[in-house]
Amino acid sequence: EEAPGTPLTRTDLAAFGAPAFGAAFTAFGAGSRCRHIIAPGEKAQ
């Protein structure tokens, strides 16, 4: 809402609601590794 037009990716199922609030586009992967990111240097838990 504060930065309309911002794309939102790797956001799990939040990708479906984001366009209603102004996201330019959304995307996420069907696999769990592509639904969010892990901070650089961290190993996925």
All heavy atoms as atom14 arrays in JSON, in Angstrom:
{
  "sequence": "EEAPGTPLTRTDLAAFGAPAFGAAFTAFGAGSRCRHIIAPGEKAQ",
  "atom14_mask": [
    [1, 1, 1, 1, 1, 1, 1, 1, 1, 0, 0, 0, 0, 0],
    [1, 1, 1, 1, 1, 1, 1, 1, 1, 0, 0, 0, 0, 0],
    [1, 1, 1, 1, 1, 0, 0, 0, 0, 0, 0, 0, 0, 0],
    [1, 1, 1, 1, 1, 1, 1, 0, 0, 0, 0, 0, 0, 0],
    [1, 1, 1, 1, 0, 0, 0, 0, 0, 0, 0, 0, 0, 0],
    [1, 1, 1, 1, 1, 1, 1, 0, 0, 0, 0, 0, 0, 0],
    [1, 1, 1, 1, 1, 1, 1, 0, 0, 0, 0, 0, 0, 0],
    [1, 1, 1, 1, 1, 1, 1, 1, 0, 0, 0, 0, 0, 0],
    [1, 1, 1, 1, 1, 1, 1, 0, 0, 0, 0, 0, 0, 0],
    [1, 1, 1, 1, 1, 1, 1, 1, 1, 1, 1, 0, 0, 0],
    [1, 1, 1, 1, 1, 1, 1, 0, 0, 0, 0, 0, 0, 0],
    [1, 1, 1, 1, 1, 1, 1, 1, 0, 0, 0, 0, 0, 0],
    [1, 1, 1, 1, 1, 1, 1, 1, 0, 0, 0, 0, 0, 0],
    [1, 1, 1, 1, 1, 0, 0, 0, 0, 0, 0, 0, 0, 0],
    [1, 1, 1, 1, 1, 0, 0, 0, 0, 0, 0, 0, 0, 0],
    [1, 1, 1, 1, 1, 1, 1, 1, 1, 1, 1, 0, 0, 0],
    [1, 1, 1, 1, 0, 0, 0, 0, 0, 0, 0, 0, 0, 0],
    [1, 1, 1, 1, 1, 0, 0, 0, 0, 0, 0, 0, 0, 0],
    [1, 1, 1, 1, 1, 1, 1, 0, 0, 0, 0, 0, 0, 0],
    [1, 1, 1, 1, 1, 0, 0, 0, 0, 0, 0, 0, 0, 0],
    [1, 1, 1, 1, 1, 1, 1, 1, 1, 1, 1, 0, 0, 0],
    [1, 1, 1, 1, 0, 0, 0, 0, 0, 0, 0, 0, 0, 0],
    [1, 1, 1, 1, 1, 0, 0, 0, 0, 0, 0, 0, 0, 0],
    [1, 1, 1, 1, 1, 0, 0, 0, 0, 0, 0, 0, 0, 0],
    [1, 1, 1, 1, 1, 1, 1, 1, 1, 1, 1, 0, 0, 0],
    [1, 1, 1, 1, 1, 1, 1, 0, 0, 0, 0, 0, 0, 0],
    [1, 1, 1, 1, 1, 0, 0, 0, 0, 0, 0, 0, 0, 0],
    [1, 1, 1, 1, 1, 1, 1, 1, 1, 1, 1, 0, 0, 0],
    [1, 1, 1, 1, 0, 0, 0, 0, 0, 0, 0, 0, 0, 0],
    [1, 1, 1, 1, 1, 0, 0, 0, 0, 0, 0, 0, 0, 0],
    [1, 1, 1, 1, 0, 0, 0, 0, 0, 0, 0, 0, 0, 0],
    [1, 1, 1, 1, 1, 1, 0, 0, 0, 0, 0, 0, 0, 0],
    [1, 1, 1, 1, 1, 1, 1, 1, 1, 1, 1, 0, 0, 0],
    [1, 1, 1, 1, 1, 1, 0, 0, 0, 0, 0, 0, 0, 0],
    [1, 1, 1, 1, 1, 1, 1, 1, 1, 1, 1, 0, 0, 0],
    [1, 1, 1, 1, 1, 1, 1, 1, 1, 1, 0, 0, 0, 0],
    [1, 1, 1, 1, 1, 1, 1, 1, 0, 0, 0, 0, 0, 0],
    [1, 1, 1, 1, 1, 1, 1, 1, 0, 0, 0, 0, 0, 0],
    [1, 1, 1, 1, 1, 0, 0, 0, 0, 0, 0, 0, 0, 0],
    [1, 1, 1, 1, 1, 1, 1, 0, 0, 0, 0, 0, 0, 0],
    [1, 1, 1, 1, 0, 0, 0, 0, 0, 0, 0, 0, 0, 0],
    [1, 1, 1, 1, 1, 1, 1, 1, 1, 0, 0, 0, 0, 0],
    [1, 1, 1, 1, 1, 1, 1, 1, 1, 0, 0, 0, 0, 0],
    [1, 1, 1, 1, 1, 0, 0, 0, 0, 0, 0, 0, 0, 0],
    [1, 1, 1, 1, 1, 1, 1, 1, 1, 0, 0, 0, 0, 0]
  ],
  "atom14_positions": [
    [[0.82, -1.21, 0.0], [0.0, 0.0, 0.0], [0.86, 1.27, 0.0], [0.51, 2.26, -0.63], [-0.95, 0.01, 1.2], [-2.08, -0.98, 1.06], [-2.98, -1.04, 2.28], [-2.52, -0.74, 3.41], [-4.15, -1.4, 2.1], [0.0, 0.0, 0.0], [0.0, 0.0, 0.0], [0.0, 0.0, 0.0], [0.0, 0.0, 0.0], [0.0, 0.0, 0.0]],
    [[1.99, 1.22, 0.7], [2.85, 2.4, 0.78], [3.76, 2.54, -0.43], [4.3, 3.62, -0.67], [3.66, 2.37, 2.08], [2.79, 2.57, 3.3], [3.56, 2.59, 4.6], [4.81, 2.65, 4.58], [2.91, 2.54, 5.67], [0.0, 0.0, 0.0], [0.0, 0.0, 0.0], [0.0, 0.0, 0.0], [0.0, 0.0, 0.0], [0.0, 0.0, 0.0]],
    [[3.97, 1.48, -1.17], [4.8, 1.52, -2.38], [4.04, 0.82, -3.5], [4.41, -0.27, -3.95], [6.15, 0.85, -2.12], [0.0, 0.0, 0.0], [0.0, 0.0, 0.0], [0.0, 0.0, 0.0], [0.0, 0.0, 0.0], [0.0, 0.0, 0.0], [0.0, 0.0, 0.0], [0.0, 0.0, 0.0], [0.0, 0.0, 0.0], [0.0, 0.0, 0.0]],
    [[2.94, 1.43, -3.96], [2.12, 0.78, -4.99], [2.95, 0.47, -6.24], [3.86, 1.21, -6.59], [1.02, 1.79, -5.29], [1.31, 3.01, -4.52], [2.46, 2.75, -3.62], [0.0, 0.0, 0.0], [0.0, 0.0, 0.0], [0.0, 0.0, 0.0], [0.0, 0.0, 0.0], [0.0, 0.0, 0.0], [0.0, 0.0, 0.0], [0.0, 0.0, 0.0]],
    [[2.61, -0.63, -6.86], [3.32, -1.05, -8.07], [4.52, -1.93, -7.77], [5.21, -2.37, -8.68], [0.0, 0.0, 0.0], [0.0, 0.0, 0.0], [0.0, 0.0, 0.0], [0.0, 0.0, 0.0], [0.0, 0.0, 0.0], [0.0, 0.0, 0.0], [0.0, 0.0, 0.0], [0.0, 0.0, 0.0], [0.0, 0.0, 0.0], [0.0, 0.0, 0.0]],
    [[4.79, -2.18, -6.49], [5.9, -3.05, -6.13], [5.53, -4.5, -6.41], [4.49, -4.96, -5.96], [6.24, -2.9, -4.62], [6.58, -1.56, -4.36], [7.38, -3.82, -4.21], [0.0, 0.0, 0.0], [0.0, 0.0, 0.0], [0.0, 0.0, 0.0], [0.0, 0.0, 0.0], [0.0, 0.0, 0.0], [0.0, 0.0, 0.0], [0.0, 0.0, 0.0]],
    [[6.37, -5.22, -7.14], [6.11, -6.65, -7.32], [6.38, -7.42, -6.03], [7.24, -7.03, -5.24], [7.11, -7.07, -8.4], [7.61, -5.8, -9.0], [7.48, -4.76, -7.95], [0.0, 0.0, 0.0], [0.0, 0.0, 0.0], [0.0, 0.0, 0.0], [0.0, 0.0, 0.0], [0.0, 0.0, 0.0], [0.0, 0.0, 0.0], [0.0, 0.0, 0.0]],
    [[5.66, -8.47, -5.82], [5.81, -9.3, -4.63], [6.04, -10.73, -5.09], [5.18, -11.31, -5.76], [4.53, -9.2, -3.79], [4.55, -9.6, -2.35], [5.57, -8.81, -1.57], [3.18, -9.42, -1.73], [0.0, 0.0, 0.0], [0.0, 0.0, 0.0], [0.0, 0.0, 0.0], [0.0, 0.0, 0.0], [0.0, 0.0, 0.0], [0.0, 0.0, 0.0]],
    [[7.22, -11.26, -4.82], [7.53, -12.62, -5.27], [7.93, -13.49, -4.09], [8.28, -13.0, -3.03], [8.67, -12.62, -6.32], [9.87, -12.13, -5.71], [8.32, -11.75, -7.51], [0.0, 0.0, 0.0], [0.0, 0.0, 0.0], [0.0, 0.0, 0.0], [0.0, 0.0, 0.0], [0.0, 0.0, 0.0], [0.0, 0.0, 0.0], [0.0, 0.0, 0.0]],
    [[7.86, -14.79, -4.3], [8.19, -15.77, -3.26], [7.49, -15.46, -1.95], [8.1, -15.37, -0.9], [9.7, -15.86, -3.07], [10.38, -16.5, -4.25], [11.81, -16.82, -3.91], [12.43, -17.51, -5.02], [13.46, -18.32, -4.9], [13.99, -18.51, -3.71], [13.96, -18.91, -5.94], [0.0, 0.0, 0.0], [0.0, 0.0, 0.0], [0.0, 0.0, 0.0]],
    [[6.2, -15.3, -2.02], [5.43, -14.9, -0.85], [4.37, -15.92, -0.46], [3.38, -15.57, 0.16], [4.74, -13.56, -1.11], [3.96, -13.68, -2.3], [5.73, -12.45, -1.24], [0.0, 0.0, 0.0], [0.0, 0.0, 0.0], [0.0, 0.0, 0.0], [0.0, 0.0, 0.0], [0.0, 0.0, 0.0], [0.0, 0.0, 0.0], [0.0, 0.0, 0.0]],
    [[4.58, -17.16, -0.87], [3.63, -18.21, -0.54], [2.25, -17.8, -1.07], [2.15, -17.14, -2.09], [3.62, -18.49, 0.97], [3.32, -19.95, 1.26], [2.2, -20.39, 0.97], [4.21, -20.65, 1.76], [0.0, 0.0, 0.0], [0.0, 0.0, 0.0], [0.0, 0.0, 0.0], [0.0, 0.0, 0.0], [0.0, 0.0, 0.0], [0.0, 0.0, 0.0]],
    [[1.2, -18.16, -0.41], [-0.14, -17.88, -0.92], [-0.55, -16.42, -0.76], [-1.59, -16.02, -1.27], [-1.15, -18.81, -0.26], [-0.96, -20.29, -0.61], [-1.94, -21.16, 0.16], [-1.11, -20.53, -2.1], [0.0, 0.0, 0.0], [0.0, 0.0, 0.0], [0.0, 0.0, 0.0], [0.0, 0.0, 0.0], [0.0, 0.0, 0.0], [0.0, 0.0, 0.0]],
    [[0.28, -15.6, -0.11], [0.01, -14.16, -0.04], [0.04, -13.55, -1.44], [-0.52, -12.47, -1.66], [1.03, -13.45, 0.84], [0.0, 0.0, 0.0], [0.0, 0.0, 0.0], [0.0, 0.0, 0.0], [0.0, 0.0, 0.0], [0.0, 0.0, 0.0], [0.0, 0.0, 0.0], [0.0, 0.0, 0.0], [0.0, 0.0, 0.0], [0.0, 0.0, 0.0]],
    [[0.64, -14.23, -2.38], [0.7, -13.76, -3.76], [-0.69, -13.55, -4.35], [-0.88, -12.73, -5.23], [1.49, -14.74, -4.62], [0.0, 0.0, 0.0], [0.0, 0.0, 0.0], [0.0, 0.0, 0.0], [0.0, 0.0, 0.0], [0.0, 0.0, 0.0], [0.0, 0.0, 0.0], [0.0, 0.0, 0.0], [0.0, 0.0, 0.0], [0.0, 0.0, 0.0]],
    [[-1.69, -14.27, -3.85], [-3.03, -14.14, -4.41], [-3.75, -12.88, -3.95], [-4.59, -12.36, -4.67], [-3.87, -15.38, -4.08], [-3.49, -16.55, -4.93], [-2.54, -17.44, -4.51], [-4.07, -16.73, -6.17], [-2.16, -18.5, -5.3], [-3.7, -17.79, -6.98], [-2.75, -18.68, -6.54], [0.0, 0.0, 0.0], [0.0, 0.0, 0.0], [0.0, 0.0, 0.0]],
    [[-3.45, -12.37, -2.79], [-4.12, -11.18, -2.31], [-3.4, -9.89, -2.63], [-4.0, -8.82, -2.67], [0.0, 0.0, 0.0], [0.0, 0.0, 0.0], [0.0, 0.0, 0.0], [0.0, 0.0, 0.0], [0.0, 0.0, 0.0], [0.0, 0.0, 0.0], [0.0, 0.0, 0.0], [0.0, 0.0, 0.0], [0.0, 0.0, 0.0], [0.0, 0.0, 0.0]],
    [[-2.1, -9.95, -2.88], [-1.29, -8.75, -3.05], [-1.75, -7.83, -4.19], [-1.73, -6.61, -4.01], [0.18, -9.13, -3.22], [0.0, 0.0, 0.0], [0.0, 0.0, 0.0], [0.0, 0.0, 0.0], [0.0, 0.0, 0.0], [0.0, 0.0, 0.0], [0.0, 0.0, 0.0], [0.0, 0.0, 0.0], [0.0, 0.0, 0.0], [0.0, 0.0, 0.0]],
    [[-2.17, -8.34, -5.34], [-2.61, -7.42, -6.4], [-3.8, -6.54, -5.98], [-3.91, -5.41, -6.43], [-3.0, -8.36, -7.55], [-2.16, -9.56, -7.35], [-2.1, -9.71, -5.85], [0.0, 0.0, 0.0], [0.0, 0.0, 0.0], [0.0, 0.0, 0.0], [0.0, 0.0, 0.0], [0.0, 0.0, 0.0], [0.0, 0.0, 0.0], [0.0, 0.0, 0.0]],
    [[-4.63, -7.04, -5.11], [-5.77, -6.25, -4.65], [-5.34, -5.02, -3.86], [-6.08, -4.05, -3.76], [-6.69, -7.11, -3.79], [0.0, 0.0, 0.0], [0.0, 0.0, 0.0], [0.0, 0.0, 0.0], [0.0, 0.0, 0.0], [0.0, 0.0, 0.0], [0.0, 0.0, 0.0], [0.0, 0.0, 0.0], [0.0, 0.0, 0.0], [0.0, 0.0, 0.0]],
    [[-4.12, -5.05, -3.32], [-3.62, -3.94, -2.52], [-2.59, -3.1, -3.27], [-1.97, -2.23, -2.68], [-3.06, -4.45, -1.2], [-4.12, -5.1, -0.35], [-4.2, -6.48, -0.28], [-5.05, -4.34, 0.33], [-5.2, -7.09, 0.47], [-6.04, -4.94, 1.08], [-6.12, -6.31, 1.14], [0.0, 0.0, 0.0], [0.0, 0.0, 0.0], [0.0, 0.0, 0.0]],
    [[-2.38, -3.39, -4.57], [-1.52, -2.54, -5.37], [-0.24, -3.16, -5.9], [0.55, -2.47, -6.53], [0.0, 0.0, 0.0], [0.0, 0.0, 0.0], [0.0, 0.0, 0.0], [0.0, 0.0, 0.0], [0.0, 0.0, 0.0], [0.0, 0.0, 0.0], [0.0, 0.0, 0.0], [0.0, 0.0, 0.0], [0.0, 0.0, 0.0], [0.0, 0.0, 0.0]],
    [[0.0, -4.43, -5.65], [1.21, -5.06, -6.19], [1.14, -5.09, -7.72], [0.09, -5.37, -8.29], [1.38, -6.48, -5.66], [0.0, 0.0, 0.0], [0.0, 0.0, 0.0], [0.0, 0.0, 0.0], [0.0, 0.0, 0.0], [0.0, 0.0, 0.0], [0.0, 0.0, 0.0], [0.0, 0.0, 0.0], [0.0, 0.0, 0.0], [0.0, 0.0, 0.0]],
    [[2.25, -4.78, -8.38], [2.29, -4.78, -9.84], [2.06, -6.19, -10.37], [1.34, -6.4, -11.34], [3.63, -4.25, -10.34], [0.0, 0.0, 0.0], [0.0, 0.0, 0.0], [0.0, 0.0, 0.0], [0.0, 0.0, 0.0], [0.0, 0.0, 0.0], [0.0, 0.0, 0.0], [0.0, 0.0, 0.0], [0.0, 0.0, 0.0], [0.0, 0.0, 0.0]],
    [[2.69, -7.16, -9.73], [2.49, -8.56, -10.05], [3.01, -9.38, -8.89], [3.7, -8.87, -8.01], [3.19, -8.98, -11.36], [4.69, -8.89, -11.32], [5.47, -9.94, -10.84], [5.34, -7.75, -11.79], [6.85, -9.85, -10.81], [6.72, -7.67, -11.77], [7.48, -8.72, -11.28], [0.0, 0.0, 0.0], [0.0, 0.0, 0.0], [0.0, 0.0, 0.0]],
    [[2.65, -10.65, -8.87], [3.13, -11.55, -7.83], [3.57, -12.85, -8.47], [3.16, -13.18, -9.59], [2.04, -11.86, -6.78], [0.96, -12.51, -7.44], [1.56, -10.6, -6.1], [0.0, 0.0, 0.0], [0.0, 0.0, 0.0], [0.0, 0.0, 0.0], [0.0, 0.0, 0.0], [0.0, 0.0, 0.0], [0.0, 0.0, 0.0], [0.0, 0.0, 0.0]],
    [[4.4, -13.57, -7.77], [4.85, -14.88, -8.24], [5.35, -15.68, -7.05], [5.87, -15.12, -6.09], [5.97, -14.73, -9.26], [0.0, 0.0, 0.0], [0.0, 0.0, 0.0], [0.0, 0.0, 0.0], [0.0, 0.0, 0.0], [0.0, 0.0, 0.0], [0.0, 0.0, 0.0], [0.0, 0.0, 0.0], [0.0, 0.0, 0.0], [0.0, 0.0, 0.0]],
    [[5.16, -16.96, -7.13], [5.75, -17.85, -6.13], [5.84, -19.23, -6.73], [5.16, -19.54, -7.7], [4.94, -17.88, -4.82], [3.66, -18.66, -4.9], [3.61, -19.97, -4.45], [2.52, -18.09, -5.42], [2.43, -20.68, -4.53], [1.34, -18.8, -5.49], [1.3, -20.1, -5.05], [0.0, 0.0, 0.0], [0.0, 0.0, 0.0], [0.0, 0.0, 0.0]],
    [[6.68, -20.05, -6.21], [6.88, -21.38, -6.74], [5.95, -22.39, -6.1], [5.5, -22.21, -4.97], [0.0, 0.0, 0.0], [0.0, 0.0, 0.0], [0.0, 0.0, 0.0], [0.0, 0.0, 0.0], [0.0, 0.0, 0.0], [0.0, 0.0, 0.0], [0.0, 0.0, 0.0], [0.0, 0.0, 0.0], [0.0, 0.0, 0.0], [0.0, 0.0, 0.0]],
    [[5.68, -23.44, -6.84], [4.83, -24.49, -6.3], [5.59, -25.33, -5.28], [5.0, -25.93, -4.41], [4.31, -25.38, -7.43], [0.0, 0.0, 0.0], [0.0, 0.0, 0.0], [0.0, 0.0, 0.0], [0.0, 0.0, 0.0], [0.0, 0.0, 0.0], [0.0, 0.0, 0.0], [0.0, 0.0, 0.0], [0.0, 0.0, 0.0], [0.0, 0.0, 0.0]],
    [[6.92, -25.37, -5.37], [7.72, -26.12, -4.41], [8.07, -25.27, -3.2], [8.18, -24.05, -3.29], [0.0, 0.0, 0.0], [0.0, 0.0, 0.0], [0.0, 0.0, 0.0], [0.0, 0.0, 0.0], [0.0, 0.0, 0.0], [0.0, 0.0, 0.0], [0.0, 0.0, 0.0], [0.0, 0.0, 0.0], [0.0, 0.0, 0.0], [0.0, 0.0, 0.0]],
    [[8.25, -25.91, -2.05], [8.5, -25.16, -0.82], [9.77, -24.32, -0.9], [9.86, -23.27, -0.29], [8.57, -26.11, 0.38], [9.61, -27.04, 0.22], [0.0, 0.0, 0.0], [0.0, 0.0, 0.0], [0.0, 0.0, 0.0], [0.0, 0.0, 0.0], [0.0, 0.0, 0.0], [0.0, 0.0, 0.0], [0.0, 0.0, 0.0], [0.0, 0.0, 0.0]],
    [[10.77, -24.75, -1.67], [12.0, -23.98, -1.79], [11.81, -22.67, -2.54], [12.66, -21.79, -2.47], [13.07, -24.81, -2.51], [13.54, -25.96, -1.68], [14.6, -26.73, -2.4], [15.04, -27.83, -1.57], [15.84, -28.77, -1.98], [16.3, -28.76, -3.21], [16.19, -29.73, -1.16], [0.0, 0.0, 0.0], [0.0, 0.0, 0.0], [0.0, 0.0, 0.0]],
    [[10.73, -22.56, -3.28], [10.48, -21.35, -4.08], [9.36, -20.49, -3.54], [8.93, -19.55, -4.19], [10.17, -21.75, -5.53], [11.54, -22.55, -6.35], [0.0, 0.0, 0.0], [0.0, 0.0, 0.0], [0.0, 0.0, 0.0], [0.0, 0.0, 0.0], [0.0, 0.0, 0.0], [0.0, 0.0, 0.0], [0.0, 0.0, 0.0], [0.0, 0.0, 0.0]],
    [[8.85, -20.8, -2.35], [7.76, -20.0, -1.8], [8.24, -18.91, -0.86], [7.47, -18.05, -0.46], [6.74, -20.91, -1.11], [5.92, -21.69, -2.12], [4.66, -22.25, -1.54], [4.85, -23.2, -0.48], [4.95, -24.53, -0.64], [4.89, -25.04, -1.84], [5.09, -25.32, 0.39], [0.0, 0.0, 0.0], [0.0, 0.0, 0.0], [0.0, 0.0, 0.0]],
    [[9.51, -18.91, -0.5], [10.11, -17.83, 0.28], [11.62, -17.96, 0.16], [12.12, -18.95, -0.35], [9.65, -17.85, 1.75], [9.95, -19.12, 2.46], [11.15, -19.37, 3.07], [9.22, -20.23, 2.67], [11.14, -20.58, 3.62], [9.97, -21.12, 3.38], [0.0, 0.0, 0.0], [0.0, 0.0, 0.0], [0.0, 0.0, 0.0], [0.0, 0.0, 0.0]],
    [[12.34, -16.95, 0.62], [13.79, -16.99, 0.53], [14.4, -17.18, 1.91], [13.78, -16.91, 2.93], [14.36, -15.71, -0.13], [14.02, -14.47, 0.69], [13.87, -15.58, -1.56], [14.73, -13.21, 0.23], [0.0, 0.0, 0.0], [0.0, 0.0, 0.0], [0.0, 0.0, 0.0], [0.0, 0.0, 0.0], [0.0, 0.0, 0.0], [0.0, 0.0, 0.0]],
    [[15.62, -17.64, 1.91], [16.41, -17.78, 3.13], [17.51, -16.72, 3.07], [18.07, -16.48, 2.01], [17.04, -19.19, 3.22], [15.97, -20.28, 3.12], [17.86, -19.35, 4.49], [14.93, -20.25, 4.19], [0.0, 0.0, 0.0], [0.0, 0.0, 0.0], [0.0, 0.0, 0.0], [0.0, 0.0, 0.0], [0.0, 0.0, 0.0], [0.0, 0.0, 0.0]],
    [[17.8, -16.09, 4.17], [18.83, -15.05, 4.21], [20.16, -15.6, 3.69], [20.5, -16.77, 3.94], [19.0, -14.53, 5.63], [0.0, 0.0, 0.0], [0.0, 0.0, 0.0], [0.0, 0.0, 0.0], [0.0, 0.0, 0.0], [0.0, 0.0, 0.0], [0.0, 0.0, 0.0], [0.0, 0.0, 0.0], [0.0, 0.0, 0.0], [0.0, 0.0, 0.0]],
    [[20.92, -14.77, 2.96], [22.22, -15.23, 2.45], [23.1, -15.75, 3.58], [23.16, -15.17, 4.66], [22.82, -13.96, 1.84], [21.65, -13.1, 1.52], [20.63, -13.41, 2.57], [0.0, 0.0, 0.0], [0.0, 0.0, 0.0], [0.0, 0.0, 0.0], [0.0, 0.0, 0.0], [0.0, 0.0, 0.0], [0.0, 0.0, 0.0], [0.0, 0.0, 0.0]],
    [[23.73, -16.87, 3.34], [24.61, -17.49, 4.33], [23.92, -18.45, 5.28], [24.57, -19.2, 5.99], [0.0, 0.0, 0.0], [0.0, 0.0, 0.0], [0.0, 0.0, 0.0], [0.0, 0.0, 0.0], [0.0, 0.0, 0.0], [0.0, 0.0, 0.0], [0.0, 0.0, 0.0], [0.0, 0.0, 0.0], [0.0, 0.0, 0.0], [0.0, 0.0, 0.0]],
    [[22.59, -18.43, 5.32], [21.85, -19.36, 6.18], [21.52, -20.63, 5.43], [21.3, -20.6, 4.23], [20.54, -18.73, 6.67], [20.7, -17.69, 7.72], [19.35, -17.23, 8.29], [18.36, -17.98, 8.18], [19.31, -16.12, 8.84], [0.0, 0.0, 0.0], [0.0, 0.0, 0.0], [0.0, 0.0, 0.0], [0.0, 0.0, 0.0], [0.0, 0.0, 0.0]],
    [[21.47, -21.73, 6.14], [21.03, -22.99, 5.58], [19.55, -23.17, 5.92], [19.12, -22.87, 7.03], [21.84, -24.14, 6.17], [21.52, -25.46, 5.54], [22.35, -26.59, 6.13], [21.91, -27.87, 5.46], [22.29, -29.03, 6.19], [0.0, 0.0, 0.0], [0.0, 0.0, 0.0], [0.0, 0.0, 0.0], [0.0, 0.0, 0.0], [0.0, 0.0, 0.0]],
    [[18.77, -23.63, 4.95], [17.34, -23.82, 5.19], [17.12, -24.8, 6.33], [17.71, -25.88, 6.36], [16.65, -24.31, 3.92], [0.0, 0.0, 0.0], [0.0, 0.0, 0.0], [0.0, 0.0, 0.0], [0.0, 0.0, 0.0], [0.0, 0.0, 0.0], [0.0, 0.0, 0.0], [0.0, 0.0, 0.0], [0.0, 0.0, 0.0], [0.0, 0.0, 0.0]],
    [[16.27, -24.41, 7.27], [15.93, -25.28, 8.4], [14.66, -26.05, 8.08], [13.83, -25.61, 7.29], [15.7, -24.44, 9.66], [16.9, -23.69, 10.12], [16.59, -22.76, 11.28], [15.46, -22.67, 11.75], [17.6, -22.06, 11.76], [0.0, 0.0, 0.0], [0.0, 0.0, 0.0], [0.0, 0.0, 0.0], [0.0, 0.0, 0.0], [0.0, 0.0, 0.0]]
  ]
}
